[in-house]
Amino acid sequence: VCLTCCSRESMVRINQICHKNGVKFFTGDVFGYHGYMFADLGDHEFVEEKPKVAKVGSGVEDGPEAKRARLDPAETTMVKKRLEFCPLREALAVEWRGEKATAALRRTAPDYFLLQ
């Protein structure tokens, strides 16, 4: 489900229905130079391609260089990953006061609060 130009209450209500039923949900809007986008993919499983780590030969090399893992860009391996997305209501309910929020505040653009 993709929503745009909706009230906050409508977005939260529709997202709750989607999240409960395992339906992927996207919402966003643009206001001049400012905009936002939110995605709730529920339980999302995907595969990521990663370079394979080459094994180090025994006894041939010594020192710090030999201990570093070597990446072989020609060979890759597929890694299965899983992410659990939160519903819009939880994302909007973040508490911005206190010690835990200090680090998050440093990473959050002031525009976020303008859009709120």
C-alpha atoms as a PDB file:
ATOM      1  CA  VAL A   1       0.000   0.000   0.000  1.00  0.00           C
ATOM      2  CA  CYS A   2       1.358   3.454  -0.942  1.00  0.00           C
ATOM      3  CA  LEU A   3      -0.127   6.602   0.622  1.00  0.00           C
ATOM      4  CA  THR A   4       0.454  10.271  -0.043  1.00  0.00           C
ATOM      5  CA  CYS A   5      -1.428  13.478   0.823  1.00  0.00           C
ATOM      6  CA  CYS A   6      -3.090  11.835   3.865  1.00  0.00           C
ATOM      7  CA  SER A   7      -3.601  13.007   7.416  1.00  0.00           C
ATOM      8  CA  ARG A   8      -1.398  11.551  10.139  1.00  0.00           C
ATOM      9  CA  GLU A   9      -4.397   9.763  11.668  1.00  0.00           C
ATOM     10  CA  SER A  10      -5.237   8.091   8.320  1.00  0.00           C
ATOM     11  CA  MET A  11      -1.627   7.001   7.794  1.00  0.00           C
ATOM     12  CA  VAL A  12      -1.395   5.484  11.287  1.00  0.00           C
ATOM     13  CA  ARG A  13      -4.759   3.699  10.946  1.00  0.00           C
ATOM     14  CA  ILE A  14      -4.014   2.255   7.500  1.00  0.00           C
ATOM     15  CA  ASN A  15      -0.507   1.243   8.569  1.00  0.00           C
ATOM     16  CA  GLN A  16      -1.894  -0.621  11.588  1.00  0.00           C
ATOM     17  CA  ILE A  17      -4.173  -2.625   9.283  1.00  0.00           C
ATOM     18  CA  CYS A  18      -1.313  -3.354   6.865  1.00  0.00           C
ATOM     19  CA  HIS A  19       1.141  -4.299   9.639  1.00  0.00           C
ATOM     20  CA  LYS A  20      -1.395  -6.626  11.259  1.00  0.00           C
ATOM     21  CA  ASN A  21      -2.048  -8.398   7.930  1.00  0.00           C
ATOM     22  CA  GLY A  22       1.560  -8.588   6.693  1.00  0.00           C
ATOM     23  CA  VAL A  23       1.047  -6.048   3.886  1.00  0.00           C
ATOM     24  CA  LYS A  24       3.989  -3.796   2.970  1.00  0.00           C
ATOM     25  CA  PHE A  25       3.272  -0.098   3.584  1.00  0.00           C
ATOM     26  CA  PHE A  26       4.857   3.073   2.191  1.00  0.00           C
ATOM     27  CA  THR A  27       3.875   6.690   2.812  1.00  0.00           C
ATOM     28  CA  GLY A  28       5.421  10.014   1.980  1.00  0.00           C
ATOM     29  CA  ASP A  29       4.834  13.573   0.907  1.00  0.00           C
ATOM     30  CA  VAL A  30       6.710  16.640  -0.307  1.00  0.00           C
ATOM     31  CA  PHE A  31       6.314  20.218   0.866  1.00  0.00           C
ATOM     32  CA  GLY A  32       8.439  22.446  -1.385  1.00  0.00           C
ATOM     33  CA  TYR A  33      12.064  21.559  -0.601  1.00  0.00           C
ATOM     34  CA  HIS A  34      11.130  19.331   2.340  1.00  0.00           C
ATOM     35  CA  GLY A  35       9.642  15.868   2.314  1.00  0.00           C
ATOM     36  CA  TYR A  36       9.432  12.577   4.130  1.00  0.00           C
ATOM     37  CA  MET A  37       9.106   8.880   3.401  1.00  0.00           C
ATOM     38  CA  PHE A  38       8.238   5.984   5.699  1.00  0.00           C
ATOM     39  CA  ALA A  39       8.327   2.256   4.936  1.00  0.00           C
ATOM     40  CA  ASP A  40       6.924  -0.579   7.051  1.00  0.00           C
ATOM     41  CA  LEU A  41       7.898  -3.869   5.440  1.00  0.00           C
ATOM     42  CA  GLY A  42       6.928  -5.948   8.490  1.00  0.00           C
ATOM     43  CA  ASP A  43       9.145  -9.044   8.739  1.00  0.00           C
ATOM     44  CA  HIS A  44      11.361  -8.575   5.702  1.00  0.00           C
ATOM     45  CA  GLU A  45      13.753 -11.300   4.536  1.00  0.00           C
ATOM     46  CA  PHE A  46      16.302 -10.641   1.814  1.00  0.00           C
ATOM     47  CA  VAL A  47      19.576 -11.934   0.422  1.00  0.00           C
ATOM     48  CA  GLU A  48      22.732  -9.822   0.363  1.00  0.00           C
ATOM     49  CA  GLU A  49      25.751 -10.539  -1.806  1.00  0.00           C
ATOM     50  CA  LYS A  50      29.057 -10.222   0.071  1.00  0.00           C
ATOM     51  CA  PRO A  51      32.687 -10.722  -1.052  1.00  0.00           C
ATOM     52  CA  LYS A  52      34.100 -14.045   0.095  1.00  0.00           C
ATOM     53  CA  VAL A  53      36.909 -13.926   2.661  1.00  0.00           C
ATOM     54  CA  ALA A  54      39.988 -15.736   1.360  1.00  0.00           C
ATOM     55  CA  LYS A  55      41.634 -18.213   3.749  1.00  0.00           C
ATOM     56  CA  VAL A  56      45.167 -17.396   4.877  1.00  0.00           C
ATOM     57  CA  GLY A  57      47.836 -20.010   4.143  1.00  0.00           C
ATOM     58  CA  SER A  58      49.496 -21.537   7.216  1.00  0.00           C
ATOM     59  CA  GLY A  59      53.074 -20.594   8.079  1.00  0.00           C
ATOM     60  CA  VAL A  60      53.949 -18.832   4.810  1.00  0.00           C
ATOM     61  CA  GLU A  61      53.331 -15.270   5.923  1.00  0.00           C
ATOM     62  CA  ASP A  62      53.795 -13.745   9.322  1.00  0.00           C
ATOM     63  CA  GLY A  63      53.073 -10.371  10.882  1.00  0.00           C
ATOM     64  CA  PRO A  64      50.114  -8.014  11.022  1.00  0.00           C
ATOM     65  CA  GLU A  65      49.484  -8.154   7.249  1.00  0.00           C
ATOM     66  CA  ALA A  66      48.947 -11.922   7.371  1.00  0.00           C
ATOM     67  CA  LYS A  67      46.391 -11.641  10.155  1.00  0.00           C
ATOM     68  CA  ARG A  68      44.052  -9.330   8.201  1.00  0.00           C
ATOM     69  CA  ALA A  69      41.184 -11.034   6.431  1.00  0.00           C
ATOM     70  CA  ARG A  70      41.605 -10.878   2.669  1.00  0.00           C
ATOM     71  CA  LEU A  71      38.569 -10.183   0.515  1.00  0.00           C
ATOM     72  CA  ASP A  72      38.429 -11.834  -2.890  1.00  0.00           C
ATOM     73  CA  PRO A  73      36.299  -9.519  -5.073  1.00  0.00           C
ATOM     74  CA  ALA A  74      35.954 -12.209  -7.763  1.00  0.00           C
ATOM     75  CA  GLU A  75      34.164 -14.629  -5.412  1.00  0.00           C
ATOM     76  CA  THR A  76      30.991 -13.734  -3.552  1.00  0.00           C
ATOM     77  CA  THR A  77      28.682 -15.493  -1.171  1.00  0.00           C
ATOM     78  CA  MET A  78      24.971 -14.945  -0.580  1.00  0.00           C
ATOM     79  CA  VAL A  79      23.942 -14.097   2.992  1.00  0.00           C
ATOM     80  CA  LYS A  80      20.291 -14.345   4.056  1.00  0.00           C
ATOM     81  CA  LYS A  81      19.192 -11.505   6.350  1.00  0.00           C
ATOM     82  CA  ARG A  82      15.991 -10.562   8.171  1.00  0.00           C
ATOM     83  CA  LEU A  83      14.770  -7.167   9.372  1.00  0.00           C
ATOM     84  CA  GLU A  84      11.729  -6.387  11.467  1.00  0.00           C
ATOM     85  CA  PHE A  85      10.204  -2.977  10.688  1.00  0.00           C
ATOM     86  CA  CYS A  86       8.195  -1.042  13.253  1.00  0.00           C
ATOM     87  CA  PRO A  87       4.729   0.397  12.620  1.00  0.00           C
ATOM     88  CA  LEU A  88       4.299   4.131  11.974  1.00  0.00           C
ATOM     89  CA  ARG A  89       2.692   4.689  15.383  1.00  0.00           C
ATOM     90  CA  GLU A  90       5.859   3.412  17.142  1.00  0.00           C
ATOM     91  CA  ALA A  91       8.134   5.505  14.904  1.00  0.00           C
ATOM     92  CA  LEU A  92       6.155   8.661  15.713  1.00  0.00           C
ATOM     93  CA  ALA A  93       6.104   7.883  19.452  1.00  0.00           C
ATOM     94  CA  VAL A  94       9.881   8.227  19.910  1.00  0.00           C
ATOM     95  CA  GLU A  95      10.741  10.098  23.115  1.00  0.00           C
ATOM     96  CA  TRP A  96      13.182  12.903  22.244  1.00  0.00           C
ATOM     97  CA  ARG A  97      14.097  13.758  25.859  1.00  0.00           C
ATOM     98  CA  GLY A  98      16.579  11.938  28.041  1.00  0.00           C
ATOM     99  CA  GLU A  99      19.993  10.335  27.745  1.00  0.00           C
ATOM    100  CA  LYS A 100      19.024   7.714  25.148  1.00  0.00           C
ATOM    101  CA  ALA A 101      17.768  10.366  22.731  1.00  0.00           C
ATOM    102  CA  THR A 102      20.952  12.453  22.811  1.00  0.00           C
ATOM    103  CA  ALA A 103      22.778  10.375  20.184  1.00  0.00           C
ATOM    104  CA  ALA A 104      19.658  10.108  18.017  1.00  0.00           C
ATOM    105  CA  LEU A 105      19.171  13.883  18.137  1.00  0.00           C
ATOM    106  CA  ARG A 106      22.688  14.421  16.763  1.00  0.00           C
ATOM    107  CA  ARG A 107      21.873  12.185  13.766  1.00  0.00           C
ATOM    108  CA  THR A 108      18.433  13.696  13.094  1.00  0.00           C
ATOM    109  CA  ALA A 109      18.095  16.650  10.753  1.00  0.00           C
ATOM    110  CA  PRO A 110      16.198  19.653  12.168  1.00  0.00           C
ATOM    111  CA  ASP A 111      13.864  19.349   9.155  1.00  0.00           C
ATOM    112  CA  TYR A 112      12.346  16.267  10.795  1.00  0.00           C
ATOM    113  CA  PHE A 113      10.871  18.412  13.548  1.00  0.00           C
ATOM    114  CA  LEU A 114       9.606  21.008  11.033  1.00  0.00           C
ATOM    115  CA  LEU A 115       7.654  18.259   9.253  1.00  0.00           C
ATOM    116  CA  GLN A 116       6.162  17.101  12.556  1.00  0.00           C
END
